[in-house]
């Protein structure tokens, strides 16, 4: 099983980044896919989640209206489009896969650093 994130980097406040996660080794289209983030000295927090075929994505209040999560089941990818970035969005961002009906993440990516700074 692999979850490989890409697209992180340094961006100025107000800028945009698009993170991508490539999944392999499990039945991707059956899993709930999420993005989490962890800032220095803080706990890991859920940023956004997306079901496979039904329902609307969910977002943390802090990113609503700025971030958009999407998935491409045939390509086994899940993306996070981040707009209007703020310094407080600085964190390591992790891709995560959770079986439907369960509350625990089963698979984690290695993380990608996002730094928002002028």
C-alpha atoms as a PDB file:
ATOM      1  CA  UNK A   1       0.000   0.000   0.000  1.00  0.00           C
ATOM      2  CA  UNK A   2       1.262   3.447  -0.891  1.00  0.00           C
ATOM      3  CA  UNK A   3      -0.026   6.987  -0.588  1.00  0.00           C
ATOM      4  CA  UNK A   4       2.389   9.420  -2.191  1.00  0.00           C
ATOM      5  CA  UNK A   5       1.788  13.154  -1.811  1.00  0.00           C
ATOM      6  CA  UNK A   6       3.220  15.840  -4.054  1.00  0.00           C
ATOM      7  CA  UNK A   7       2.778  19.535  -4.718  1.00  0.00           C
ATOM      8  CA  UNK A   8       3.883  21.094  -1.467  1.00  0.00           C
ATOM      9  CA  UNK A   9       6.232  24.041  -1.281  1.00  0.00           C
ATOM     10  CA  UNK A  10       6.685  27.670  -0.333  1.00  0.00           C
ATOM     11  CA  UNK A  11       4.020  30.178  -1.334  1.00  0.00           C
ATOM     12  CA  UNK A  12       3.252  33.773  -0.429  1.00  0.00           C
ATOM     13  CA  UNK A  13       0.119  34.685   1.515  1.00  0.00           C
ATOM     14  CA  UNK A  14      -2.844  34.885  -0.823  1.00  0.00           C
ATOM     15  CA  UNK A  15      -1.296  32.393  -3.203  1.00  0.00           C
ATOM     16  CA  UNK A  16      -2.398  28.931  -4.291  1.00  0.00           C
ATOM     17  CA  UNK A  17      -1.059  25.395  -4.256  1.00  0.00           C
ATOM     18  CA  UNK A  18      -2.455  22.113  -5.446  1.00  0.00           C
ATOM     19  CA  UNK A  19      -1.567  18.948  -3.553  1.00  0.00           C
ATOM     20  CA  UNK A  20      -1.949  15.555  -5.144  1.00  0.00           C
ATOM     21  CA  UNK A  21      -1.966  12.077  -3.632  1.00  0.00           C
ATOM     22  CA  UNK A  22      -1.397   8.947  -5.701  1.00  0.00           C
ATOM     23  CA  UNK A  23      -2.732   5.759  -4.125  1.00  0.00           C
ATOM     24  CA  UNK A  24      -1.912   2.146  -4.835  1.00  0.00           C
ATOM     25  CA  UNK A  25      -2.246  -1.271  -3.285  1.00  0.00           C
ATOM     26  CA  UNK A  26      -5.832  -1.122  -2.021  1.00  0.00           C
ATOM     27  CA  UNK A  27      -9.375  -0.679  -3.369  1.00  0.00           C
ATOM     28  CA  UNK A  28      -9.187   3.082  -3.683  1.00  0.00           C
ATOM     29  CA  UNK A  29     -12.750   3.635  -4.830  1.00  0.00           C
ATOM     30  CA  UNK A  30     -14.135   2.010  -1.668  1.00  0.00           C
ATOM     31  CA  UNK A  31     -12.270   4.253   0.745  1.00  0.00           C
ATOM     32  CA  UNK A  32     -12.986   7.658   2.213  1.00  0.00           C
ATOM     33  CA  UNK A  33     -10.046   9.858   1.254  1.00  0.00           C
ATOM     34  CA  UNK A  34      -8.933  12.764   3.392  1.00  0.00           C
ATOM     35  CA  UNK A  35      -6.290  15.397   3.818  1.00  0.00           C
ATOM     36  CA  UNK A  36      -4.956  16.130   7.284  1.00  0.00           C
ATOM     37  CA  UNK A  37      -2.350  18.639   8.395  1.00  0.00           C
ATOM     38  CA  UNK A  38      -0.061  19.080  11.352  1.00  0.00           C
ATOM     39  CA  UNK A  39       1.585  22.350  12.256  1.00  0.00           C
ATOM     40  CA  UNK A  40       4.609  22.523  14.578  1.00  0.00           C
ATOM     41  CA  UNK A  41       3.557  22.038  18.181  1.00  0.00           C
ATOM     42  CA  UNK A  42      -0.032  21.238  17.244  1.00  0.00           C
ATOM     43  CA  UNK A  43      -2.084  18.098  16.875  1.00  0.00           C
ATOM     44  CA  UNK A  44      -2.865  16.642  13.498  1.00  0.00           C
ATOM     45  CA  UNK A  45      -6.215  17.940  12.242  1.00  0.00           C
ATOM     46  CA  UNK A  46      -8.647  16.957   9.535  1.00  0.00           C
ATOM     47  CA  UNK A  47      -8.695  19.421   6.633  1.00  0.00           C
ATOM     48  CA  UNK A  48     -11.107  17.788   4.188  1.00  0.00           C
ATOM     49  CA  UNK A  49     -12.684  14.443   3.350  1.00  0.00           C
ATOM     50  CA  UNK A  50     -14.432  13.044   0.313  1.00  0.00           C
ATOM     51  CA  UNK A  51     -16.524   9.925  -0.064  1.00  0.00           C
ATOM     52  CA  UNK A  52     -16.258   7.767  -3.128  1.00  0.00           C
ATOM     53  CA  UNK A  53     -19.568   7.997  -4.953  1.00  0.00           C
ATOM     54  CA  UNK A  54     -22.132   9.806  -2.849  1.00  0.00           C
ATOM     55  CA  UNK A  55     -22.314  12.749  -0.504  1.00  0.00           C
ATOM     56  CA  UNK A  56     -20.621  16.105  -0.396  1.00  0.00           C
ATOM     57  CA  UNK A  57     -17.086  16.709   0.766  1.00  0.00           C
ATOM     58  CA  UNK A  58     -16.584  18.007   4.278  1.00  0.00           C
ATOM     59  CA  UNK A  59     -14.145  20.720   5.291  1.00  0.00           C
ATOM     60  CA  UNK A  60     -12.683  22.134   8.437  1.00  0.00           C
ATOM     61  CA  UNK A  61     -14.210  25.516   9.193  1.00  0.00           C
ATOM     62  CA  UNK A  62     -10.804  27.132   8.841  1.00  0.00           C
ATOM     63  CA  UNK A  63     -10.524  26.187   5.155  1.00  0.00           C
ATOM     64  CA  UNK A  64     -14.136  26.377   3.943  1.00  0.00           C
ATOM     65  CA  UNK A  65     -14.448  28.489   0.829  1.00  0.00           C
ATOM     66  CA  UNK A  66     -10.689  28.373   0.194  1.00  0.00           C
ATOM     67  CA  UNK A  67      -9.826  24.674  -0.211  1.00  0.00           C
ATOM     68  CA  UNK A  68     -11.408  22.118  -2.526  1.00  0.00           C
ATOM     69  CA  UNK A  69     -10.914  18.357  -2.315  1.00  0.00           C
ATOM     70  CA  UNK A  70     -11.501  16.163  -5.348  1.00  0.00           C
ATOM     71  CA  UNK A  71     -10.818  12.580  -6.386  1.00  0.00           C
ATOM     72  CA  UNK A  72     -10.373  10.657  -9.604  1.00  0.00           C
ATOM     73  CA  UNK A  73     -11.239   7.027  -8.975  1.00  0.00           C
ATOM     74  CA  UNK A  74      -9.972   5.632 -12.302  1.00  0.00           C
ATOM     75  CA  UNK A  75      -6.606   7.302 -11.657  1.00  0.00           C
ATOM     76  CA  UNK A  76      -6.536   6.518  -7.911  1.00  0.00           C
ATOM     77  CA  UNK A  77      -5.757  10.103  -7.027  1.00  0.00           C
ATOM     78  CA  UNK A  78      -7.090  12.668  -4.589  1.00  0.00           C
ATOM     79  CA  UNK A  79      -6.217  16.350  -4.839  1.00  0.00           C
ATOM     80  CA  UNK A  80      -6.463  19.371  -2.577  1.00  0.00           C
ATOM     81  CA  UNK A  81      -6.697  22.739  -4.278  1.00  0.00           C
ATOM     82  CA  UNK A  82      -5.694  25.439  -1.796  1.00  0.00           C
ATOM     83  CA  UNK A  83      -6.460  29.079  -2.589  1.00  0.00           C
ATOM     84  CA  UNK A  84      -6.097  32.303  -0.622  1.00  0.00           C
ATOM     85  CA  UNK A  85      -3.450  30.684   1.524  1.00  0.00           C
ATOM     86  CA  UNK A  86      -2.657  32.152   4.915  1.00  0.00           C
ATOM     87  CA  UNK A  87       0.415  31.820   7.134  1.00  0.00           C
ATOM     88  CA  UNK A  88      -1.652  29.717   9.520  1.00  0.00           C
ATOM     89  CA  UNK A  89      -2.072  27.120   6.763  1.00  0.00           C
ATOM     90  CA  UNK A  90       1.618  26.298   7.144  1.00  0.00           C
ATOM     91  CA  UNK A  91       1.881  22.616   8.069  1.00  0.00           C
ATOM     92  CA  UNK A  92       2.797  19.174   6.869  1.00  0.00           C
ATOM     93  CA  UNK A  93      -0.143  17.884   4.851  1.00  0.00           C
ATOM     94  CA  UNK A  94      -0.963  14.176   4.870  1.00  0.00           C
ATOM     95  CA  UNK A  95      -3.105  12.090   2.581  1.00  0.00           C
ATOM     96  CA  UNK A  96      -5.171   9.460   4.403  1.00  0.00           C
ATOM     97  CA  UNK A  97      -7.448   6.543   3.500  1.00  0.00           C
ATOM     98  CA  UNK A  98     -10.232   5.300   5.770  1.00  0.00           C
ATOM     99  CA  UNK A  99     -12.553   2.328   5.159  1.00  0.00           C
ATOM    100  CA  UNK A 100     -16.203   3.412   4.954  1.00  0.00           C
ATOM    101  CA  UNK A 101     -18.087   2.986   8.212  1.00  0.00           C
ATOM    102  CA  UNK A 102     -14.964   3.093  10.338  1.00  0.00           C
ATOM    103  CA  UNK A 103     -13.572   6.070  12.211  1.00  0.00           C
ATOM    104  CA  UNK A 104      -9.907   5.142  12.086  1.00  0.00           C
ATOM    105  CA  UNK A 105      -7.572   5.986   9.228  1.00  0.00           C
ATOM    106  CA  UNK A 106      -6.030   2.820   7.849  1.00  0.00           C
ATOM    107  CA  UNK A 107      -3.360   4.240   5.542  1.00  0.00           C
ATOM    108  CA  UNK A 108      -1.268   7.404   5.743  1.00  0.00           C
ATOM    109  CA  UNK A 109       1.025   9.107   3.294  1.00  0.00           C
ATOM    110  CA  UNK A 110       4.456  10.398   4.254  1.00  0.00           C
ATOM    111  CA  UNK A 111       3.380  14.041   4.185  1.00  0.00           C
ATOM    112  CA  UNK A 112       4.315  17.098   2.167  1.00  0.00           C
ATOM    113  CA  UNK A 113       5.378  20.450   3.598  1.00  0.00           C
ATOM    114  CA  UNK A 114       3.363  23.570   2.831  1.00  0.00           C
ATOM    115  CA  UNK A 115       4.847  26.871   3.960  1.00  0.00           C
ATOM    116  CA  UNK A 116       2.968  30.131   3.555  1.00  0.00           C
ATOM    117  CA  UNK A 117       5.262  33.063   4.111  1.00  0.00           C
ATOM    118  CA  UNK A 118       6.306  36.336   2.553  1.00  0.00           C
END
